[in-house]
Amino acid sequence: HAVTVAAEAWPKYDFHSVTTAIHQFFLYDLCDYYLELSKPVFNASSDLPQNATAKRRVANILYTCMETGLRLFSPFMPFVSEELWQ
């Protein structure tokens, strides 16, 4: 949703909508929801193959979310997003 809002709002120079969408994505979608649901997966034992596979999947999804978020932040905070990218 944040990517769609950003793609529609950028050409209109509606920076408030872009920053609000990014903020809501990180605070409400990623942190409040997905990270909380990921904790049991990461706390599970890696002895079982299905747990190791689940951990890799969750880690890949988190990586994709962070990468997309940094790309969305980049026009507003180029130096901060570059440091976090590195």
N, C-alpha and C. Protein backbone atom coordinates (compact mmCIF):
# COMPACT_ATOMS: atom_id res chain seq x y z
N HIS A 1 0.82 -1.19 0.00
CA HIS A 1 0.00 0.00 0.00
C HIS A 1 0.87 1.26 0.00
N ALA A 2 1.94 1.27 0.79
CA ALA A 2 2.79 2.46 0.87
C ALA A 2 3.45 2.76 -0.47
N VAL A 3 3.86 1.74 -1.17
CA VAL A 3 4.49 1.93 -2.48
C VAL A 3 3.49 2.51 -3.47
N THR A 4 2.27 2.02 -3.45
CA THR A 4 1.24 2.52 -4.35
C THR A 4 0.92 3.98 -4.06
N VAL A 5 0.76 4.31 -2.78
CA VAL A 5 0.48 5.69 -2.40
C VAL A 5 1.63 6.60 -2.81
N ALA A 6 2.86 6.15 -2.57
CA ALA A 6 4.03 6.95 -2.93
C ALA A 6 4.10 7.15 -4.44
N ALA A 7 3.84 6.11 -5.20
CA ALA A 7 3.89 6.23 -6.66
C ALA A 7 2.83 7.18 -7.20
N GLU A 8 1.69 7.22 -6.55
CA GLU A 8 0.62 8.12 -7.00
C GLU A 8 0.83 9.55 -6.50
N ALA A 9 1.41 9.72 -5.32
CA ALA A 9 1.54 11.05 -4.71
C ALA A 9 2.78 11.81 -5.19
N TRP A 10 3.85 11.10 -5.55
CA TRP A 10 5.09 11.78 -5.99
C TRP A 10 4.86 12.71 -7.18
N PRO A 11 4.22 12.26 -8.24
CA PRO A 11 4.03 13.18 -9.39
C PRO A 11 3.19 14.41 -9.06
N LYS A 12 2.36 14.31 -8.01
CA LYS A 12 1.51 15.43 -7.60
C LYS A 12 2.22 16.32 -6.57
N TYR A 13 3.44 15.95 -6.20
CA TYR A 13 4.19 16.65 -5.15
C TYR A 13 3.43 16.67 -3.82
N ASP A 14 2.73 15.60 -3.56
CA ASP A 14 1.97 15.46 -2.31
C ASP A 14 2.85 14.72 -1.29
N PHE A 15 3.81 15.46 -0.76
CA PHE A 15 4.80 14.86 0.14
C PHE A 15 4.19 14.39 1.46
N HIS A 16 3.15 15.05 1.88
CA HIS A 16 2.49 14.64 3.12
C HIS A 16 1.93 13.21 2.99
N SER A 17 1.29 12.92 1.88
CA SER A 17 0.74 11.58 1.67
C SER A 17 1.85 10.53 1.59
N VAL A 18 2.95 10.89 0.94
CA VAL A 18 4.07 9.94 0.83
C VAL A 18 4.64 9.64 2.20
N THR A 19 4.97 10.67 2.96
CA THR A 19 5.58 10.44 4.27
C THR A 19 4.62 9.77 5.24
N THR A 20 3.34 10.09 5.15
CA THR A 20 2.35 9.43 6.01
C THR A 20 2.25 7.95 5.67
N ALA A 21 2.24 7.62 4.40
CA ALA A 21 2.17 6.21 3.99
C ALA A 21 3.39 5.43 4.46
N ILE A 22 4.57 6.03 4.33
CA ILE A 22 5.80 5.37 4.78
C ILE A 22 5.78 5.18 6.29
N HIS A 23 5.38 6.22 7.00
CA HIS A 23 5.31 6.14 8.46
C HIS A 23 4.34 5.06 8.91
N GLN A 24 3.16 5.04 8.31
CA GLN A 24 2.16 4.04 8.68
C GLN A 24 2.63 2.63 8.35
N PHE A 25 3.33 2.48 7.24
CA PHE A 25 3.85 1.16 6.89
C PHE A 25 4.83 0.67 7.96
N PHE A 26 5.80 1.50 8.30
CA PHE A 26 6.80 1.07 9.28
C PHE A 26 6.21 0.88 10.66
N LEU A 27 5.41 1.83 11.12
CA LEU A 27 4.92 1.79 12.49
C LEU A 27 3.82 0.75 12.68
N TYR A 28 2.83 0.78 11.82
CA TYR A 28 1.66 -0.05 12.05
C TYR A 28 1.72 -1.41 11.35
N ASP A 29 2.21 -1.46 10.13
CA ASP A 29 2.24 -2.73 9.41
C ASP A 29 3.45 -3.56 9.81
N LEU A 30 4.63 -2.98 9.68
CA LEU A 30 5.85 -3.75 9.91
C LEU A 30 6.09 -3.99 11.40
N CYS A 31 6.14 -2.93 12.18
CA CYS A 31 6.51 -3.08 13.59
C CYS A 31 5.39 -3.69 14.44
N ASP A 32 4.20 -3.13 14.34
CA ASP A 32 3.10 -3.60 15.20
C ASP A 32 2.59 -4.98 14.81
N TYR A 33 2.65 -5.30 13.56
CA TYR A 33 2.02 -6.54 13.11
C TYR A 33 3.06 -7.60 12.74
N TYR A 34 3.85 -7.33 11.72
CA TYR A 34 4.71 -8.38 11.19
C TYR A 34 5.84 -8.77 12.14
N LEU A 35 6.49 -7.80 12.75
CA LEU A 35 7.58 -8.15 13.67
C LEU A 35 7.07 -8.95 14.87
N GLU A 36 5.90 -8.59 15.36
CA GLU A 36 5.34 -9.35 16.48
C GLU A 36 5.01 -10.78 16.08
N LEU A 37 4.52 -10.98 14.86
CA LEU A 37 4.23 -12.33 14.40
C LEU A 37 5.50 -13.11 14.06
N SER A 38 6.60 -12.40 13.81
CA SER A 38 7.86 -13.06 13.46
C SER A 38 8.62 -13.57 14.68
N LYS A 39 8.37 -13.00 15.83
CA LYS A 39 9.13 -13.39 17.03
C LYS A 39 9.07 -14.88 17.34
N PRO A 40 7.89 -15.53 17.32
CA PRO A 40 7.89 -16.97 17.60
C PRO A 40 8.68 -17.78 16.57
N VAL A 41 8.69 -17.34 15.34
CA VAL A 41 9.44 -18.06 14.31
C VAL A 41 10.94 -17.98 14.60
N PHE A 42 11.42 -16.78 14.96
CA PHE A 42 12.84 -16.63 15.25
C PHE A 42 13.25 -17.29 16.57
N ASN A 43 12.32 -17.40 17.50
CA ASN A 43 12.62 -18.03 18.78
C ASN A 43 12.54 -19.54 18.73
N ALA A 44 11.99 -20.10 17.67
CA ALA A 44 11.87 -21.55 17.53
C ALA A 44 13.25 -22.17 17.31
N SER A 45 13.39 -23.39 17.72
CA SER A 45 14.64 -24.13 17.56
C SER A 45 14.93 -24.36 16.07
N SER A 46 16.19 -24.24 15.70
CA SER A 46 16.59 -24.45 14.30
C SER A 46 16.92 -25.91 14.01
N ASP A 47 16.70 -26.78 14.98
CA ASP A 47 17.02 -28.19 14.79
C ASP A 47 16.15 -28.84 13.73
N LEU A 48 14.91 -28.43 13.64
CA LEU A 48 14.01 -29.02 12.66
C LEU A 48 14.15 -28.28 11.33
N PRO A 49 14.16 -29.00 10.23
CA PRO A 49 14.32 -28.35 8.92
C PRO A 49 13.22 -27.35 8.60
N GLN A 50 11.98 -27.65 9.01
CA GLN A 50 10.90 -26.72 8.72
C GLN A 50 11.06 -25.40 9.48
N ASN A 51 11.66 -25.45 10.69
CA ASN A 51 11.90 -24.21 11.43
C ASN A 51 12.98 -23.38 10.75
N ALA A 52 14.01 -24.03 10.27
CA ALA A 52 15.09 -23.31 9.57
C ALA A 52 14.55 -22.68 8.28
N THR A 53 13.71 -23.41 7.58
CA THR A 53 13.11 -22.87 6.36
C THR A 53 12.20 -21.68 6.68
N ALA A 54 11.42 -21.80 7.73
CA ALA A 54 10.53 -20.70 8.14
C ALA A 54 11.34 -19.47 8.53
N LYS A 55 12.44 -19.66 9.23
CA LYS A 55 13.29 -18.53 9.62
C LYS A 55 13.86 -17.83 8.39
N ARG A 56 14.31 -18.61 7.41
CA ARG A 56 14.83 -18.01 6.18
C ARG A 56 13.76 -17.23 5.44
N ARG A 57 12.56 -17.77 5.38
CA ARG A 57 11.47 -17.08 4.69
C ARG A 57 11.12 -15.77 5.39
N VAL A 58 11.00 -15.81 6.71
CA VAL A 58 10.67 -14.60 7.46
C VAL A 58 11.79 -13.57 7.33
N ALA A 59 13.03 -14.02 7.39
CA ALA A 59 14.17 -13.11 7.24
C ALA A 59 14.18 -12.47 5.85
N ASN A 60 13.87 -13.24 4.83
CA ASN A 60 13.82 -12.69 3.47
C ASN A 60 12.71 -11.66 3.32
N ILE A 61 11.57 -11.92 3.94
CA ILE A 61 10.47 -10.96 3.88
C ILE A 61 10.85 -9.68 4.61
N LEU A 62 11.48 -9.81 5.77
CA LEU A 62 11.92 -8.62 6.51
C LEU A 62 12.96 -7.84 5.72
N TYR A 63 13.86 -8.55 5.06
CA TYR A 63 14.86 -7.88 4.24
C TYR A 63 14.20 -7.09 3.11
N THR A 64 13.21 -7.71 2.46
CA THR A 64 12.49 -7.03 1.38
C THR A 64 11.76 -5.80 1.90
N CYS A 65 11.14 -5.91 3.06
CA CYS A 65 10.45 -4.76 3.65
C CYS A 65 11.42 -3.64 3.97
N MET A 66 12.56 -3.97 4.54
CA MET A 66 13.55 -2.94 4.88
C MET A 66 14.14 -2.31 3.62
N GLU A 67 14.41 -3.12 2.62
CA GLU A 67 14.96 -2.58 1.37
C GLU A 67 13.96 -1.62 0.71
N THR A 68 12.72 -2.03 0.65
CA THR A 68 11.69 -1.18 0.05
C THR A 68 11.50 0.09 0.86
N GLY A 69 11.50 -0.05 2.18
CA GLY A 69 11.36 1.12 3.04
C GLY A 69 12.49 2.11 2.87
N LEU A 70 13.71 1.60 2.77
CA LEU A 70 14.86 2.49 2.56
C LEU A 70 14.79 3.18 1.20
N ARG A 71 14.30 2.48 0.22
CA ARG A 71 14.14 3.10 -1.10
C ARG A 71 13.07 4.20 -1.06
N LEU A 72 12.03 3.98 -0.27
CA LEU A 72 11.00 5.01 -0.13
C LEU A 72 11.52 6.22 0.67
N PHE A 73 12.34 5.95 1.67
CA PHE A 73 12.91 7.03 2.49
C PHE A 73 13.98 7.83 1.77
N SER A 74 14.62 7.24 0.81
CA SER A 74 15.80 7.83 0.18
C SER A 74 15.61 9.26 -0.31
N PRO A 75 14.52 9.62 -0.98
CA PRO A 75 14.39 11.01 -1.43
C PRO A 75 14.27 12.02 -0.29
N PHE A 76 13.78 11.58 0.86
CA PHE A 76 13.59 12.49 1.99
C PHE A 76 14.82 12.56 2.88
N MET A 77 15.46 11.44 3.06
CA MET A 77 16.62 11.36 3.95
C MET A 77 17.75 10.60 3.24
N PRO A 78 18.38 11.21 2.25
CA PRO A 78 19.35 10.47 1.45
C PRO A 78 20.56 9.99 2.24
N PHE A 79 21.08 10.81 3.14
CA PHE A 79 22.29 10.42 3.87
C PHE A 79 21.99 9.34 4.90
N VAL A 80 20.87 9.46 5.59
CA VAL A 80 20.49 8.45 6.58
C VAL A 80 20.19 7.12 5.90
N SER A 81 19.43 7.17 4.82
CA SER A 81 19.10 5.92 4.13
C SER A 81 20.33 5.26 3.53
N GLU A 82 21.30 6.06 3.07
CA GLU A 82 22.55 5.50 2.53
C GLU A 82 23.35 4.81 3.63
N GLU A 83 23.41 5.42 4.80
CA GLU A 83 24.14 4.82 5.92
C GLU A 83 23.48 3.51 6.34
N LEU A 84 22.16 3.50 6.42
CA LEU A 84 21.46 2.29 6.79
C LEU A 84 21.61 1.21 5.72
N TRP A 85 21.66 1.63 4.47
CA TRP A 85 21.85 0.68 3.36
C TRP A 85 23.20 0.00 3.46
N GLN A 86 24.21 0.76 3.80
CA GLN A 86 25.58 0.22 3.91
C GLN A 86 25.66 -0.72 5.08
